Amino acid sequence: MKLSVLIPARDEAGALAETVESITTRLDAEQIDYEVIVVDDASLDGTGDLVRAVALENQRVRCERSPLPPGFGYAVRHGLSQYSGDAVAIVMADASDSPDDLIRYHRVLASKRRYCGGGGGVVAVGV
């Protein structure tokens, strides 16, 4: 089961590298199939450039610049139209959410899918 991690970000260049690194490191360690989508919400501080640099090192990470008006809700909405996984989790760009919560979420969904035949879902980890 592929987990999509959606990170809305506006002017988060200072914190975003740590956030993405902690998430990808933890998901890799657990051998979970994933993608990380950072939605650049009209950033002016190089957030998009930072994510594109990270994406050169990890092809599971990508940046999507939102074409919608600026705002958290619009960034989430755009991200939800872009993910390709079986389930999606929305996390904050400032590393305030624990990657361990993503692992727990994935395990719950995987166990329900195996035993109940259910599909994925959407969760806002730190919203």
C-alpha atoms as a PDB file:
ATOM      1  CA  MET A   1       0.000   0.000   0.000  1.00  0.00           C
ATOM      2  CA  LYS A   2       1.445   3.311  -1.106  1.00  0.00           C
ATOM      3  CA  LEU A   3       1.229   6.236   1.323  1.00  0.00           C
ATOM      4  CA  SER A   4       1.129   9.781  -0.013  1.00  0.00           C
ATOM      5  CA  VAL A   5       2.365  12.440   2.384  1.00  0.00           C
ATOM      6  CA  LEU A   6       1.077  15.908   1.587  1.00  0.00           C
ATOM      7  CA  ILE A   7       2.895  18.924   3.039  1.00  0.00           C
ATOM      8  CA  PRO A   8       1.351  22.344   2.396  1.00  0.00           C
ATOM      9  CA  ALA A   9       4.138  24.916   2.659  1.00  0.00           C
ATOM     10  CA  ARG A  10       4.325  28.678   2.431  1.00  0.00           C
ATOM     11  CA  ASP A  11       7.701  30.265   3.100  1.00  0.00           C
ATOM     12  CA  GLU A  12       8.932  27.205   4.999  1.00  0.00           C
ATOM     13  CA  ALA A  13      12.445  26.954   3.534  1.00  0.00           C
ATOM     14  CA  GLY A  14      13.950  27.170   7.014  1.00  0.00           C
ATOM     15  CA  ALA A  15      12.155  24.117   8.393  1.00  0.00           C
ATOM     16  CA  LEU A  16      11.172  22.045   5.396  1.00  0.00           C
ATOM     17  CA  ALA A  17      14.411  20.152   4.777  1.00  0.00           C
ATOM     18  CA  GLU A  18      14.329  18.710   8.302  1.00  0.00           C
ATOM     19  CA  THR A  19      10.667  17.794   7.945  1.00  0.00           C
ATOM     20  CA  VAL A  20      11.084  15.996   4.633  1.00  0.00           C
ATOM     21  CA  GLU A  21      14.285  14.281   5.795  1.00  0.00           C
ATOM     22  CA  SER A  22      12.702  12.949   8.986  1.00  0.00           C
ATOM     23  CA  ILE A  23       9.660  11.661   7.104  1.00  0.00           C
ATOM     24  CA  THR A  24      11.572   9.983   4.275  1.00  0.00           C
ATOM     25  CA  THR A  25      14.154   8.465   6.615  1.00  0.00           C
ATOM     26  CA  ARG A  26      11.448   6.923   8.802  1.00  0.00           C
ATOM     27  CA  LEU A  27       9.353   5.635   5.893  1.00  0.00           C
ATOM     28  CA  ASP A  28      12.444   4.165   4.216  1.00  0.00           C
ATOM     29  CA  ALA A  29      13.430   2.429   7.457  1.00  0.00           C
ATOM     30  CA  GLU A  30       9.984   0.823   7.638  1.00  0.00           C
ATOM     31  CA  GLN A  31      10.139  -0.116   3.930  1.00  0.00           C
ATOM     32  CA  ILE A  32       6.873   1.667   3.236  1.00  0.00           C
ATOM     33  CA  ASP A  33       6.080   2.623  -0.341  1.00  0.00           C
ATOM     34  CA  TYR A  34       5.467   6.376  -0.353  1.00  0.00           C
ATOM     35  CA  GLU A  35       5.565   9.711  -2.085  1.00  0.00           C
ATOM     36  CA  VAL A  36       6.043  13.101  -0.468  1.00  0.00           C
ATOM     37  CA  ILE A  37       4.316  16.012  -2.169  1.00  0.00           C
ATOM     38  CA  VAL A  38       5.189  19.463  -0.959  1.00  0.00           C
ATOM     39  CA  VAL A  39       2.629  21.979  -2.154  1.00  0.00           C
ATOM     40  CA  ASP A  40       4.335  25.334  -2.544  1.00  0.00           C
ATOM     41  CA  ASP A  41       1.691  27.865  -1.541  1.00  0.00           C
ATOM     42  CA  ALA A  42       3.010  31.046  -3.207  1.00  0.00           C
ATOM     43  CA  SER A  43       6.291  30.976  -1.283  1.00  0.00           C
ATOM     44  CA  LEU A  44       8.751  33.808  -1.740  1.00  0.00           C
ATOM     45  CA  ASP A  45      11.671  32.332   0.236  1.00  0.00           C
ATOM     46  CA  GLY A  46      12.902  29.539  -2.040  1.00  0.00           C
ATOM     47  CA  THR A  47      10.722  26.778  -0.606  1.00  0.00           C
ATOM     48  CA  GLY A  48      10.136  25.310  -4.066  1.00  0.00           C
ATOM     49  CA  ASP A  49      13.839  25.398  -4.951  1.00  0.00           C
ATOM     50  CA  LEU A  50      14.698  23.612  -1.719  1.00  0.00           C
ATOM     51  CA  VAL A  51      12.192  20.832  -2.408  1.00  0.00           C
ATOM     52  CA  ARG A  52      13.389  20.437  -5.996  1.00  0.00           C
ATOM     53  CA  ALA A  53      16.950  20.037  -4.680  1.00  0.00           C
ATOM     54  CA  VAL A  54      15.790  17.337  -2.253  1.00  0.00           C
ATOM     55  CA  ALA A  55      13.891  15.657  -5.105  1.00  0.00           C
ATOM     56  CA  LEU A  56      17.144  15.285  -7.054  1.00  0.00           C
ATOM     57  CA  GLU A  57      18.344  13.012  -4.235  1.00  0.00           C
ATOM     58  CA  ASN A  58      15.033  11.231  -3.634  1.00  0.00           C
ATOM     59  CA  GLN A  59      12.687  10.643  -6.554  1.00  0.00           C
ATOM     60  CA  ARG A  60       9.805   9.967  -4.172  1.00  0.00           C
ATOM     61  CA  VAL A  61       9.785  13.658  -3.217  1.00  0.00           C
ATOM     62  CA  ARG A  62       8.307  16.318  -5.447  1.00  0.00           C
ATOM     63  CA  CYS A  63       7.164  19.906  -5.363  1.00  0.00           C
ATOM     64  CA  GLU A  64       3.858  21.090  -6.772  1.00  0.00           C
ATOM     65  CA  ARG A  65       3.290  24.841  -6.961  1.00  0.00           C
ATOM     66  CA  SER A  66      -0.369  25.500  -6.265  1.00  0.00           C
ATOM     67  CA  PRO A  67      -2.135  27.380  -9.064  1.00  0.00           C
ATOM     68  CA  LEU A  68      -4.971  28.230  -6.669  1.00  0.00           C
ATOM     69  CA  PRO A  69      -5.187  31.407  -4.587  1.00  0.00           C
ATOM     70  CA  PRO A  70      -2.797  31.460  -1.612  1.00  0.00           C
ATOM     71  CA  GLY A  71      -4.026  29.871   1.585  1.00  0.00           C
ATOM     72  CA  PHE A  72      -3.644  26.665   3.567  1.00  0.00           C
ATOM     73  CA  GLY A  73      -6.983  25.205   2.486  1.00  0.00           C
ATOM     74  CA  TYR A  74      -6.276  25.845  -1.178  1.00  0.00           C
ATOM     75  CA  ALA A  75      -2.826  24.282  -0.854  1.00  0.00           C
ATOM     76  CA  VAL A  76      -4.357  21.168   0.699  1.00  0.00           C
ATOM     77  CA  ARG A  77      -7.022  21.077  -1.996  1.00  0.00           C
ATOM     78  CA  HIS A  78      -4.396  21.226  -4.743  1.00  0.00           C
ATOM     79  CA  GLY A  79      -2.329  18.519  -3.067  1.00  0.00           C
ATOM     80  CA  LEU A  80      -5.339  16.251  -2.784  1.00  0.00           C
ATOM     81  CA  SER A  81      -5.759  16.523  -6.548  1.00  0.00           C
ATOM     82  CA  GLN A  82      -2.138  15.452  -7.129  1.00  0.00           C
ATOM     83  CA  TYR A  83      -1.436  12.399  -4.991  1.00  0.00           C
ATOM     84  CA  SER A  84      -1.181   8.883  -6.411  1.00  0.00           C
ATOM     85  CA  GLY A  85      -1.066   6.679  -3.313  1.00  0.00           C
ATOM     86  CA  ASP A  86      -3.702   4.438  -1.794  1.00  0.00           C
ATOM     87  CA  ALA A  87      -3.970   6.756   1.222  1.00  0.00           C
ATOM     88  CA  VAL A  88      -2.879  10.293   1.992  1.00  0.00           C
ATOM     89  CA  ALA A  89      -1.719  11.998   5.155  1.00  0.00           C
ATOM     90  CA  ILE A  90      -1.441  15.743   5.569  1.00  0.00           C
ATOM     91  CA  VAL A  91       1.418  16.942   7.767  1.00  0.00           C
ATOM     92  CA  MET A  92       2.757  20.352   8.715  1.00  0.00           C
ATOM     93  CA  ALA A  93       5.922  21.724   7.117  1.00  0.00           C
ATOM     94  CA  ASP A  94       7.484  22.838  10.412  1.00  0.00           C
ATOM     95  CA  ALA A  95       8.345  19.333  11.705  1.00  0.00           C
ATOM     96  CA  SER A  96       5.701  19.606  14.430  1.00  0.00           C
ATOM     97  CA  ASP A  97       4.214  16.247  13.403  1.00  0.00           C
ATOM     98  CA  SER A  98       5.961  13.010  14.244  1.00  0.00           C
ATOM     99  CA  PRO A  99       6.833  10.616  11.423  1.00  0.00           C
ATOM    100  CA  ASP A 100       5.884   7.863  13.881  1.00  0.00           C
ATOM    101  CA  ASP A 101       2.254   8.929  13.433  1.00  0.00           C
ATOM    102  CA  LEU A 102       2.594   8.206   9.712  1.00  0.00           C
ATOM    103  CA  ILE A 103       3.898   4.738  10.496  1.00  0.00           C
ATOM    104  CA  ARG A 104       0.966   4.037  12.834  1.00  0.00           C
ATOM    105  CA  TYR A 105      -1.509   5.334  10.249  1.00  0.00           C
ATOM    106  CA  HIS A 106      -0.005   3.148   7.543  1.00  0.00           C
ATOM    107  CA  ARG A 107      -0.071   0.060   9.773  1.00  0.00           C
ATOM    108  CA  VAL A 108      -3.723   0.586  10.708  1.00  0.00           C
ATOM    109  CA  LEU A 109      -4.746   1.015   7.085  1.00  0.00           C
ATOM    110  CA  ALA A 110      -2.672  -1.947   5.934  1.00  0.00           C
ATOM    111  CA  SER A 111      -4.188  -4.214   8.611  1.00  0.00           C
ATOM    112  CA  LYS A 112      -7.744  -3.123   7.803  1.00  0.00           C
ATOM    113  CA  ARG A 113      -7.122  -3.629   4.119  1.00  0.00           C
ATOM    114  CA  ARG A 114      -5.778  -7.112   4.717  1.00  0.00           C
ATOM    115  CA  TYR A 115      -8.543  -8.205   7.055  1.00  0.00           C
ATOM    116  CA  CYS A 116     -11.531  -6.164   5.900  1.00  0.00           C
ATOM    117  CA  GLY A 117     -10.824  -5.563   2.245  1.00  0.00           C
ATOM    118  CA  GLY A 118     -11.044  -1.817   2.850  1.00  0.00           C
ATOM    119  CA  GLY A 119      -9.136   0.822   0.954  1.00  0.00           C
ATOM    120  CA  GLY A 120      -7.176   3.855   1.943  1.00  0.00           C
ATOM    121  CA  GLY A 121      -8.211   7.128   3.442  1.00  0.00           C
ATOM    122  CA  VAL A 122      -7.228  10.662   4.238  1.00  0.00           C
ATOM    123  CA  VAL A 123      -5.906  11.811   7.572  1.00  0.00           C
ATOM    124  CA  ALA A 124      -4.692  15.157   8.792  1.00  0.00           C
ATOM    125  CA  VAL A 125      -1.882  14.203  11.144  1.00  0.00           C
ATOM    126  CA  GLY A 126      -1.249  17.602  12.658  1.00  0.00           C
ATOM    127  CA  VAL A 127      -4.070  19.814  11.513  1.00  0.00           C
END
